[in-house]
Structure formats: structure tokens, C-alpha cells
């Protein structure tokens, strides 16, 4: 307490005690302060509040100010665009988790002190360590699904980047794919459904031992994409090309 820094029974600073317990600059600052003249009992105060009293409101303001200083994985305008997208709320939240790299990966959940490469490998292809970048853009099944999209996208031709950095080009597909503006929501919808389907298949394979079926995953993405477009047909402009069944890509023929 502050009164322990005073000379006993007085209101004068005990310079020796102050300098013993504090850094030189802090001690000099305190010794230059006027000591209280009255006998006021020490008490704890909540400094974020003007009246010194703790409240939920003042705590919320404090935390909000700290969050505003956090480095976000994508620009603030991208968050606004994401929440305003005509997507199912669950898909928006899933994209938010991806942007923050908040999905649990094997490296975070493995109980082994010295996990093997197999224990940390991708649950879908087992050809590389499990990362979100690999699962959504590098895994063979993910590459097949992107190739079977309406845009026949060879995702491996695009520059590689961290998972959080992927969300920005997905929300701004113009520079990425040179798509017309009205087609952007279709691409974002497809990407969100593909990510969600790959994550579901990953969990089924990792937790239940279900063997991933590339054809079934691609067909599921196609079906969900059409269902969501029909459900949002009042918002999403119909695309000029229907998403119909196509000849299986070469990976599926092997």
C-alpha cells in the first residue's frame, strides 16, 4: 500500500524505502509529488472508469479499445463485405474462422508427445502435413473439386499464401479470376461450400475412419451449390451457365 512508503506516523515520503522498491525514474517522479495532507485510507480503484468503480460497461469499452489495436488477418472493409454477403450465417462464420486460422488442426490436437508424420498428415490424401492451406488449396481432392467448379480453376496455378491471406482474394475475385462483378457472389458461395464440405470430410476421415470419396465430395459440393443458389435466387443473379454434371476429371479416372 502507499502508506508503507511514508515515514511512520507522518505524510512525508520515506525516500530510502521509495528508492529501494522502485526504479530511479519512478522514484524521482514519486518523490516530486505532493504527499496527501489528510489521513485518507488507501483503497483500490478501477482506473478505466471515471468514478473508479468497476462496471461491465467500462470493461467492454476497455476490451474494445484493445481489440481495435489488434492486427486483423484481413482489412476491416473485408469483414463488412463478408458479413453482408448473401450466404448462410453458418458459412459466414466458417469463413471467419478460416481467416483467423482458428480451425483445430492435427498439430494442435494431437495428444502424442512425439507425433509421427502419419499422425500429422492430411486426413484426405495423407500426402502432406495437415495445414488449412493444404486442405483447401493443395490437397489432391481440393484441387479436383476446384477443377470441377463452373470456372474449371487450376488452383495450383495461383500464388500460394497464408490461409488468412486467401480470404481477401476470394472476397475480391475480380483481380483473381477476372470475373464479372455480378458473378462474384457465386464464386464466394462456391468457395464457402467447398471449404465446408472438405472440412466435414476431413472430420469424418479423422474421427470416424471414413474413407474419403472424391467423386462423392465433388457431387456434394455441386448439389449444395445449386441448392443455395436456388434458395437465394432473389439475391443471387442467375449465372449464364448451369452447373451440370461433367465428365470426371483425369484424377478420378485413374
C-alpha atoms as a PDB file:
ATOM      1  CA  UNK A   1       0.000   0.000   0.000  1.00  0.00           C
ATOM      2  CA  UNK A   2       1.028   3.631  -0.492  1.00  0.00           C
ATOM      3  CA  UNK A   3       1.161   4.386   3.240  1.00  0.00           C
ATOM      4  CA  UNK A   4       4.094   1.973   3.574  1.00  0.00           C
ATOM      5  CA  UNK A   5       6.157   4.483   1.574  1.00  0.00           C
ATOM      6  CA  UNK A   6       5.671   7.226   4.195  1.00  0.00           C
ATOM      7  CA  UNK A   7       7.758   7.880   7.291  1.00  0.00           C
ATOM      8  CA  UNK A   8       5.881   6.302  10.183  1.00  0.00           C
ATOM      9  CA  UNK A   9       3.063   8.468  11.612  1.00  0.00           C
ATOM     10  CA  UNK A  10       3.726  11.234   9.048  1.00  0.00           C
ATOM     11  CA  UNK A  11       2.736  12.110   5.499  1.00  0.00           C
ATOM     12  CA  UNK A  12       6.267  12.553   4.249  1.00  0.00           C
ATOM     13  CA  UNK A  13       7.828  10.195   1.734  1.00  0.00           C
ATOM     14  CA  UNK A  14      10.445   7.809   3.050  1.00  0.00           C
ATOM     15  CA  UNK A  15      12.991   8.394   0.284  1.00  0.00           C
ATOM     16  CA  UNK A  16      15.063   5.352   1.219  1.00  0.00           C
ATOM     17  CA  UNK A  17      12.086   2.984   1.021  1.00  0.00           C
ATOM     18  CA  UNK A  18      10.853   4.540  -2.208  1.00  0.00           C
ATOM     19  CA  UNK A  19      14.237   4.173  -3.907  1.00  0.00           C
ATOM     20  CA  UNK A  20      14.664   0.639  -2.585  1.00  0.00           C
ATOM     21  CA  UNK A  21      11.430  -0.572  -4.146  1.00  0.00           C
ATOM     22  CA  UNK A  22      11.225   1.426  -7.384  1.00  0.00           C
ATOM     23  CA  UNK A  23      13.294   2.247 -10.426  1.00  0.00           C
ATOM     24  CA  UNK A  24      15.235   5.510 -10.233  1.00  0.00           C
ATOM     25  CA  UNK A  25      12.999   7.398 -12.690  1.00  0.00           C
ATOM     26  CA  UNK A  26       9.819   6.241 -10.920  1.00  0.00           C
ATOM     27  CA  UNK A  27      11.256   7.050  -7.521  1.00  0.00           C
ATOM     28  CA  UNK A  28      12.204  10.562  -8.639  1.00  0.00           C
ATOM     29  CA  UNK A  29       8.711  11.122 -10.019  1.00  0.00           C
ATOM     30  CA  UNK A  30       7.029   9.971  -6.781  1.00  0.00           C
ATOM     31  CA  UNK A  31       9.309  11.980  -4.506  1.00  0.00           C
ATOM     32  CA  UNK A  32       8.456  15.101  -6.529  1.00  0.00           C
ATOM     33  CA  UNK A  33       4.746  14.507  -5.968  1.00  0.00           C
ATOM     34  CA  UNK A  34       2.997  16.232  -3.107  1.00  0.00           C
ATOM     35  CA  UNK A  35       2.010  13.788  -0.386  1.00  0.00           C
ATOM     36  CA  UNK A  36      -1.606  13.898   0.866  1.00  0.00           C
ATOM     37  CA  UNK A  37      -2.157  16.168   3.846  1.00  0.00           C
ATOM     38  CA  UNK A  38      -5.170  14.353   5.324  1.00  0.00           C
ATOM     39  CA  UNK A  39      -5.488  10.868   6.753  1.00  0.00           C
ATOM     40  CA  UNK A  40      -7.184   9.207   3.798  1.00  0.00           C
ATOM     41  CA  UNK A  41      -7.348   5.428   3.868  1.00  0.00           C
ATOM     42  CA  UNK A  42      -5.939   3.642   0.831  1.00  0.00           C
ATOM     43  CA  UNK A  43      -8.445   1.941  -1.469  1.00  0.00           C
ATOM     44  CA  UNK A  44      -8.452   0.136  -4.779  1.00  0.00           C
ATOM     45  CA  UNK A  45      -9.977   1.864  -7.787  1.00  0.00           C
ATOM     46  CA  UNK A  46     -10.909   0.731 -11.308  1.00  0.00           C
ATOM     47  CA  UNK A  47      -8.896   3.121 -13.478  1.00  0.00           C
ATOM     48  CA  UNK A  48     -10.816   2.599 -16.771  1.00  0.00           C
ATOM     49  CA  UNK A  49     -13.894   4.182 -15.126  1.00  0.00           C
ATOM     50  CA  UNK A  50     -14.046   7.900 -14.322  1.00  0.00           C
ATOM     51  CA  UNK A  51     -15.580   7.245 -10.902  1.00  0.00           C
ATOM     52  CA  UNK A  52     -13.135   4.426 -10.100  1.00  0.00           C
ATOM     53  CA  UNK A  53     -15.922   1.850  -9.782  1.00  0.00           C
ATOM     54  CA  UNK A  54     -15.849  -1.378 -11.762  1.00  0.00           C
ATOM     55  CA  UNK A  55     -18.648  -1.923 -14.266  1.00  0.00           C
ATOM     56  CA  UNK A  56     -19.307  -4.210 -17.221  1.00  0.00           C
ATOM     57  CA  UNK A  57     -19.722  -1.160 -19.464  1.00  0.00           C
ATOM     58  CA  UNK A  58     -16.279   0.231 -18.675  1.00  0.00           C
ATOM     59  CA  UNK A  59     -14.745  -3.232 -19.121  1.00  0.00           C
ATOM     60  CA  UNK A  60     -16.388  -3.589 -22.527  1.00  0.00           C
ATOM     61  CA  UNK A  61     -15.015  -0.209 -23.611  1.00  0.00           C
ATOM     62  CA  UNK A  62     -11.545  -1.214 -22.419  1.00  0.00           C
ATOM     63  CA  UNK A  63     -11.610  -4.531 -24.300  1.00  0.00           C
ATOM     64  CA  UNK A  64     -12.997  -2.863 -27.417  1.00  0.00           C
ATOM     65  CA  UNK A  65     -10.122  -0.385 -27.435  1.00  0.00           C
ATOM     66  CA  UNK A  66      -7.636  -3.256 -27.129  1.00  0.00           C
ATOM     67  CA  UNK A  67      -9.293  -5.232 -29.935  1.00  0.00           C
ATOM     68  CA  UNK A  68      -9.173  -2.200 -32.218  1.00  0.00           C
ATOM     69  CA  UNK A  69      -5.385  -2.275 -31.867  1.00  0.00           C
ATOM     70  CA  UNK A  70      -5.168  -5.943 -32.910  1.00  0.00           C
ATOM     71  CA  UNK A  71      -3.687  -6.748 -36.308  1.00  0.00           C
ATOM     72  CA  UNK A  72      -6.525  -8.342 -38.257  1.00  0.00           C
ATOM     73  CA  UNK A  73      -5.803 -11.001 -40.896  1.00  0.00           C
ATOM     74  CA  UNK A  74      -7.860  -9.119 -43.489  1.00  0.00           C
ATOM     75  CA  UNK A  75      -8.788  -5.423 -43.884  1.00  0.00           C
ATOM     76  CA  UNK A  76     -11.779  -4.052 -41.983  1.00  0.00           C
ATOM     77  CA  UNK A  77     -13.735  -3.490 -45.203  1.00  0.00           C
ATOM     78  CA  UNK A  78     -13.408  -7.199 -45.982  1.00  0.00           C
ATOM     79  CA  UNK A  79     -15.129  -8.086 -42.704  1.00  0.00           C
ATOM     80  CA  UNK A  80     -18.012  -5.817 -43.664  1.00  0.00           C
ATOM     81  CA  UNK A  81     -18.235  -7.437 -47.092  1.00  0.00           C
ATOM     82  CA  UNK A  82     -18.162 -10.921 -45.579  1.00  0.00           C
ATOM     83  CA  UNK A  83     -20.990 -10.249 -43.114  1.00  0.00           C
ATOM     84  CA  UNK A  84     -23.041  -8.554 -45.850  1.00  0.00           C
ATOM     85  CA  UNK A  85     -22.721 -11.464 -48.284  1.00  0.00           C
ATOM     86  CA  UNK A  86     -25.932 -13.364 -49.174  1.00  0.00           C
ATOM     87  CA  UNK A  87     -24.608 -16.516 -47.507  1.00  0.00           C
ATOM     88  CA  UNK A  88     -25.918 -18.753 -44.776  1.00  0.00           C
ATOM     89  CA  UNK A  89     -24.742 -17.415 -41.418  1.00  0.00           C
ATOM     90  CA  UNK A  90     -23.003 -20.699 -40.657  1.00  0.00           C
ATOM     91  CA  UNK A  91     -20.897 -20.357 -43.832  1.00  0.00           C
ATOM     92  CA  UNK A  92     -20.008 -16.762 -42.962  1.00  0.00           C
ATOM     93  CA  UNK A  93     -18.850 -17.880 -39.526  1.00  0.00           C
ATOM     94  CA  UNK A  94     -16.842 -20.688 -41.113  1.00  0.00           C
ATOM     95  CA  UNK A  95     -15.056 -18.237 -43.435  1.00  0.00           C
ATOM     96  CA  UNK A  96     -14.405 -16.037 -40.392  1.00  0.00           C
ATOM     97  CA  UNK A  97     -12.772 -18.985 -38.603  1.00  0.00           C
ATOM     98  CA  UNK A  98     -10.650 -19.728 -41.671  1.00  0.00           C
ATOM     99  CA  UNK A  99      -9.496 -16.104 -41.885  1.00  0.00           C
ATOM    100  CA  UNK A 100      -8.377 -16.255 -38.253  1.00  0.00           C
ATOM    101  CA  UNK A 101      -6.782 -19.689 -38.768  1.00  0.00           C
ATOM    102  CA  UNK A 102      -8.982 -20.809 -35.882  1.00  0.00           C
ATOM    103  CA  UNK A 103      -9.919 -24.304 -37.053  1.00  0.00           C
ATOM    104  CA  UNK A 104      -8.324 -27.099 -34.982  1.00  0.00           C
ATOM    105  CA  UNK A 105      -5.619 -28.913 -36.928  1.00  0.00           C
ATOM    106  CA  UNK A 106      -3.848 -32.126 -36.025  1.00  0.00           C
ATOM    107  CA  UNK A 107      -0.744 -30.263 -34.872  1.00  0.00           C
ATOM    108  CA  UNK A 108      -2.928 -28.520 -32.251  1.00  0.00           C
ATOM    109  CA  UNK A 109      -4.983 -31.529 -31.144  1.00  0.00           C
ATOM    110  CA  UNK A 110      -2.533 -34.436 -31.285  1.00  0.00           C
ATOM    111  CA  UNK A 111      -2.015 -35.936 -27.820  1.00  0.00           C
ATOM    112  CA  UNK A 112       1.250 -37.654 -28.673  1.00  0.00           C
ATOM    113  CA  UNK A 113       4.408 -36.031 -27.312  1.00  0.00           C
ATOM    114  CA  UNK A 114       6.301 -37.019 -30.471  1.00  0.00           C
ATOM    115  CA  UNK A 115       3.703 -37.383 -33.242  1.00  0.00           C
ATOM    116  CA  UNK A 116       4.684 -39.209 -36.400  1.00  0.00           C
ATOM    117  CA  UNK A 117       4.340 -37.796 -39.902  1.00  0.00           C
ATOM    118  CA  UNK A 118       1.357 -40.080 -40.448  1.00  0.00           C
ATOM    119  CA  UNK A 119      -0.405 -38.718 -37.342  1.00  0.00           C
ATOM    120  CA  UNK A 120       0.011 -35.154 -38.623  1.00  0.00           C
ATOM    121  CA  UNK A 121      -0.710 -35.860 -42.292  1.00  0.00           C
ATOM    122  CA  UNK A 122      -3.752 -34.690 -44.245  1.00  0.00           C
ATOM    123  CA  UNK A 123      -6.751 -36.910 -43.429  1.00  0.00           C
ATOM    124  CA  UNK A 124      -7.925 -36.801 -47.045  1.00  0.00           C
ATOM    125  CA  UNK A 125      -4.793 -37.558 -49.069  1.00  0.00           C
ATOM    126  CA  UNK A 126      -2.081 -38.424 -46.487  1.00  0.00           C
ATOM    127  CA  UNK A 127       0.487 -36.896 -48.842  1.00  0.00           C
ATOM    128  CA  UNK A 128       1.426 -33.797 -46.831  1.00  0.00           C
ATOM    129  CA  UNK A 129       1.212 -32.338 -43.320  1.00  0.00           C
ATOM    130  CA  UNK A 130      -2.249 -31.069 -42.453  1.00  0.00           C
ATOM    131  CA  UNK A 131      -2.488 -27.301 -42.782  1.00  0.00           C
ATOM    132  CA  UNK A 132      -5.523 -25.284 -43.786  1.00  0.00           C
ATOM    133  CA  UNK A 133      -3.627 -24.070 -46.849  1.00  0.00           C
ATOM    134  CA  UNK A 134      -3.054 -27.665 -47.923  1.00  0.00           C
ATOM    135  CA  UNK A 135      -6.551 -28.904 -47.041  1.00  0.00           C
ATOM    136  CA  UNK A 136      -8.385 -26.212 -49.016  1.00  0.00           C
ATOM    137  CA  UNK A 137      -5.938 -25.497 -51.842  1.00  0.00           C
ATOM    138  CA  UNK A 138      -3.164 -28.107 -52.005  1.00  0.00           C
ATOM    139  CA  UNK A 139      -4.834 -31.452 -51.288  1.00  0.00           C
ATOM    140  CA  UNK A 140      -5.464 -33.561 -54.386  1.00  0.00           C
ATOM    141  CA  UNK A 141      -9.180 -33.781 -53.605  1.00  0.00           C
ATOM    142  CA  UNK A 142      -9.406 -29.997 -53.150  1.00  0.00           C
ATOM    143  CA  UNK A 143      -7.622 -29.464 -56.479  1.00  0.00           C
ATOM    144  CA  UNK A 144     -10.064 -31.835 -58.198  1.00  0.00           C
ATOM    145  CA  UNK A 145     -13.037 -30.003 -56.692  1.00  0.00           C
ATOM    146  CA  UNK A 146     -11.716 -26.606 -57.844  1.00  0.00           C
ATOM    147  CA  UNK A 147     -11.137 -28.022 -61.320  1.00  0.00           C
ATOM    148  CA  UNK A 148     -14.708 -29.339 -61.396  1.00  0.00           C
ATOM    149  CA  UNK A 149     -16.114 -25.925 -60.424  1.00  0.00           C
ATOM    150  CA  UNK A 150     -18.013 -23.853 -63.007  1.00  0.00           C
ATOM    151  CA  UNK A 151     -14.780 -21.937 -63.585  1.00  0.00           C
ATOM    152  CA  UNK A 152     -12.540 -25.025 -64.099  1.00  0.00           C
ATOM    153  CA  UNK A 153      -9.995 -23.433 -61.817  1.00  0.00           C
ATOM    154  CA  UNK A 154      -6.498 -24.876 -61.552  1.00  0.00           C
ATOM    155  CA  UNK A 155      -5.911 -23.630 -58.037  1.00  0.00           C
ATOM    156  CA  UNK A 156      -2.238 -24.614 -58.072  1.00  0.00           C
ATOM    157  CA  UNK A 157      -1.560 -22.008 -60.768  1.00  0.00           C
ATOM    158  CA  UNK A 158      -2.414 -19.247 -58.297  1.00  0.00           C
ATOM    159  CA  UNK A 159       0.201 -17.719 -55.966  1.00  0.00           C
ATOM    160  CA  UNK A 160       0.486 -19.528 -52.637  1.00  0.00           C
ATOM    161  CA  UNK A 161      -0.136 -17.574 -49.430  1.00  0.00           C
ATOM    162  CA  UNK A 162      -1.221 -17.991 -45.823  1.00  0.00           C
ATOM    163  CA  UNK A 163      -4.782 -19.085 -45.170  1.00  0.00           C
ATOM    164  CA  UNK A 164      -5.841 -15.682 -43.813  1.00  0.00           C
ATOM    165  CA  UNK A 165      -4.489 -14.010 -46.941  1.00  0.00           C
ATOM    166  CA  UNK A 166      -6.620 -16.315 -49.111  1.00  0.00           C
ATOM    167  CA  UNK A 167      -9.869 -14.828 -47.822  1.00  0.00           C
ATOM    168  CA  UNK A 168      -9.134 -11.411 -49.333  1.00  0.00           C
ATOM    169  CA  UNK A 169      -8.782 -12.622 -52.967  1.00  0.00           C
ATOM    170  CA  UNK A 170     -11.805 -14.886 -52.516  1.00  0.00           C
ATOM    171  CA  UNK A 171     -13.900 -11.904 -51.438  1.00  0.00           C
ATOM    172  CA  UNK A 172     -12.418  -9.865 -54.307  1.00  0.00           C
ATOM    173  CA  UNK A 173     -12.433 -12.315 -57.189  1.00  0.00           C
ATOM    174  CA  UNK A 174     -12.103  -9.639 -59.876  1.00  0.00           C
ATOM    175  CA  UNK A 175      -8.285  -9.410 -59.781  1.00  0.00           C
ATOM    176  CA  UNK A 176      -8.020 -13.144 -59.079  1.00  0.00           C
ATOM    177  CA  UNK A 177     -10.194 -14.614 -61.838  1.00  0.00           C
ATOM    178  CA  UNK A 178     -11.267 -11.572 -63.866  1.00  0.00           C
ATOM    179  CA  UNK A 179     -14.911 -12.463 -63.258  1.00  0.00           C
ATOM    180  CA  UNK A 180     -17.727 -10.003 -63.957  1.00  0.00           C
ATOM    181  CA  UNK A 181     -18.994  -8.216 -60.865  1.00  0.00           C
ATOM    182  CA  UNK A 182     -22.358  -9.990 -60.760  1.00  0.00           C
ATOM    183  CA  UNK A 183     -20.610 -13.369 -60.687  1.00  0.00           C
ATOM    184  CA  UNK A 184     -18.550 -12.663 -57.561  1.00  0.00           C
ATOM    185  CA  UNK A 185     -21.263 -13.845 -55.098  1.00  0.00           C
ATOM    186  CA  UNK A 186     -21.487 -17.170 -56.972  1.00  0.00           C
ATOM    187  CA  UNK A 187     -17.760 -17.750 -56.601  1.00  0.00           C
ATOM    188  CA  UNK A 188     -17.737 -16.814 -52.898  1.00  0.00           C
ATOM    189  CA  UNK A 189     -20.700 -19.134 -52.315  1.00  0.00           C
ATOM    190  CA  UNK A 190     -18.950 -21.987 -54.111  1.00  0.00           C
ATOM    191  CA  UNK A 191     -15.713 -21.438 -52.162  1.00  0.00           C
ATOM    192  CA  UNK A 192     -17.535 -21.386 -48.808  1.00  0.00           C
ATOM    193  CA  UNK A 193     -19.440 -24.595 -49.619  1.00  0.00           C
ATOM    194  CA  UNK A 194     -16.281 -26.311 -50.866  1.00  0.00           C
ATOM    195  CA  UNK A 195     -14.348 -25.362 -47.717  1.00  0.00           C
ATOM    196  CA  UNK A 196     -17.193 -26.571 -45.506  1.00  0.00           C
ATOM    197  CA  UNK A 197     -17.508 -29.868 -47.391  1.00  0.00           C
ATOM    198  CA  UNK A 198     -13.768 -30.526 -47.287  1.00  0.00           C
ATOM    199  CA  UNK A 199     -13.700 -29.794 -43.563  1.00  0.00           C
ATOM    200  CA  UNK A 200     -16.637 -32.142 -42.971  1.00  0.00           C
ATOM    201  CA  UNK A 201     -14.928 -34.912 -44.959  1.00  0.00           C
ATOM    202  CA  UNK A 202     -11.708 -34.280 -43.076  1.00  0.00           C
ATOM    203  CA  UNK A 203     -13.515 -34.710 -39.741  1.00  0.00           C
ATOM    204  CA  UNK A 204     -15.284 -37.854 -40.914  1.00  0.00           C
ATOM    205  CA  UNK A 205     -11.982 -39.366 -42.027  1.00  0.00           C
ATOM    206  CA  UNK A 206     -10.040 -38.299 -38.948  1.00  0.00           C
ATOM    207  CA  UNK A 207     -12.622 -39.076 -36.260  1.00  0.00           C
ATOM    208  CA  UNK A 208     -14.577 -41.980 -37.757  1.00  0.00           C
ATOM    209  CA  UNK A 209     -12.120 -43.519 -40.203  1.00  0.00           C
ATOM    210  CA  UNK A 210     -14.423 -42.881 -43.175  1.00  0.00           C
ATOM    211  CA  UNK A 211     -12.520 -43.257 -46.426  1.00  0.00           C
ATOM    212  CA  UNK A 212     -12.887 -40.012 -48.420  1.00  0.00           C
ATOM    213  CA  UNK A 213     -14.586 -40.429 -51.781  1.00  0.00           C
ATOM    214  CA  UNK A 214     -13.506 -37.652 -54.201  1.00  0.00           C
ATOM    215  CA  UNK A 215     -16.490 -38.202 -56.516  1.00  0.00           C
ATOM    216  CA  UNK A 216     -18.950 -38.044 -53.629  1.00  0.00           C
ATOM    217  CA  UNK A 217     -17.336 -34.898 -52.207  1.00  0.00           C
ATOM    218  CA  UNK A 218     -17.440 -33.130 -55.581  1.00  0.00           C
ATOM    219  CA  UNK A 219     -21.048 -34.191 -56.146  1.00  0.00           C
ATOM    220  CA  UNK A 220     -21.983 -32.963 -52.668  1.00  0.00           C
ATOM    221  CA  UNK A 221     -20.388 -29.567 -53.360  1.00  0.00           C
ATOM    222  CA  UNK A 222     -22.219 -29.364 -56.687  1.00  0.00           C
ATOM    223  CA  UNK A 223     -25.562 -30.267 -55.114  1.00  0.00           C
ATOM    224  CA  UNK A 224     -25.208 -27.838 -52.195  1.00  0.00           C
ATOM    225  CA  UNK A 225     -24.090 -25.075 -54.527  1.00  0.00           C
ATOM    226  CA  UNK A 226     -27.260 -25.475 -56.601  1.00  0.00           C
ATOM    227  CA  UNK A 227     -29.469 -25.660 -53.500  1.00  0.00           C
ATOM    228  CA  UNK A 228     -28.019 -22.477 -52.035  1.00  0.00           C
ATOM    229  CA  UNK A 229     -28.327 -20.649 -55.352  1.00  0.00           C
ATOM    230  CA  UNK A 230     -31.980 -21.621 -55.660  1.00  0.00           C
ATOM    231  CA  UNK A 231     -32.639 -20.598 -52.057  1.00  0.00           C
ATOM    232  CA  UNK A 232     -31.045 -17.194 -52.760  1.00  0.00           C
ATOM    233  CA  UNK A 233     -32.316 -16.709 -56.293  1.00  0.00           C
ATOM    234  CA  UNK A 234     -33.965 -13.438 -55.222  1.00  0.00           C
ATOM    235  CA  UNK A 235     -30.500 -12.077 -54.344  1.00  0.00           C
ATOM    236  CA  UNK A 236     -28.060 -14.029 -56.491  1.00  0.00           C
ATOM    237  CA  UNK A 237     -28.372 -13.231 -60.168  1.00  0.00           C
ATOM    238  CA  UNK A 238     -28.688 -16.467 -62.210  1.00  0.00           C
ATOM    239  CA  UNK A 239     -25.466 -17.375 -63.928  1.00  0.00           C
ATOM    240  CA  UNK A 240     -25.454 -17.840 -67.727  1.00  0.00           C
ATOM    241  CA  UNK A 241     -24.063 -21.374 -67.462  1.00  0.00           C
ATOM    242  CA  UNK A 242     -25.818 -24.101 -65.462  1.00  0.00           C
ATOM    243  CA  UNK A 243     -23.703 -26.148 -63.113  1.00  0.00           C
ATOM    244  CA  UNK A 244     -24.410 -29.572 -64.587  1.00  0.00           C
ATOM    245  CA  UNK A 245     -22.641 -32.878 -64.253  1.00  0.00           C
ATOM    246  CA  UNK A 246     -19.454 -33.008 -66.267  1.00  0.00           C
ATOM    247  CA  UNK A 247     -17.072 -35.698 -67.331  1.00  0.00           C
ATOM    248  CA  UNK A 248     -14.952 -36.714 -64.338  1.00  0.00           C
ATOM    249  CA  UNK A 249     -11.539 -35.090 -64.337  1.00  0.00           C
ATOM    250  CA  UNK A 250      -8.476 -37.159 -65.044  1.00  0.00           C
ATOM    251  CA  UNK A 251      -7.721 -37.661 -61.339  1.00  0.00           C
ATOM    252  CA  UNK A 252     -10.988 -39.540 -60.914  1.00  0.00           C
ATOM    253  CA  UNK A 253     -10.382 -41.691 -63.971  1.00  0.00           C
ATOM    254  CA  UNK A 254      -7.082 -43.004 -62.624  1.00  0.00           C
END
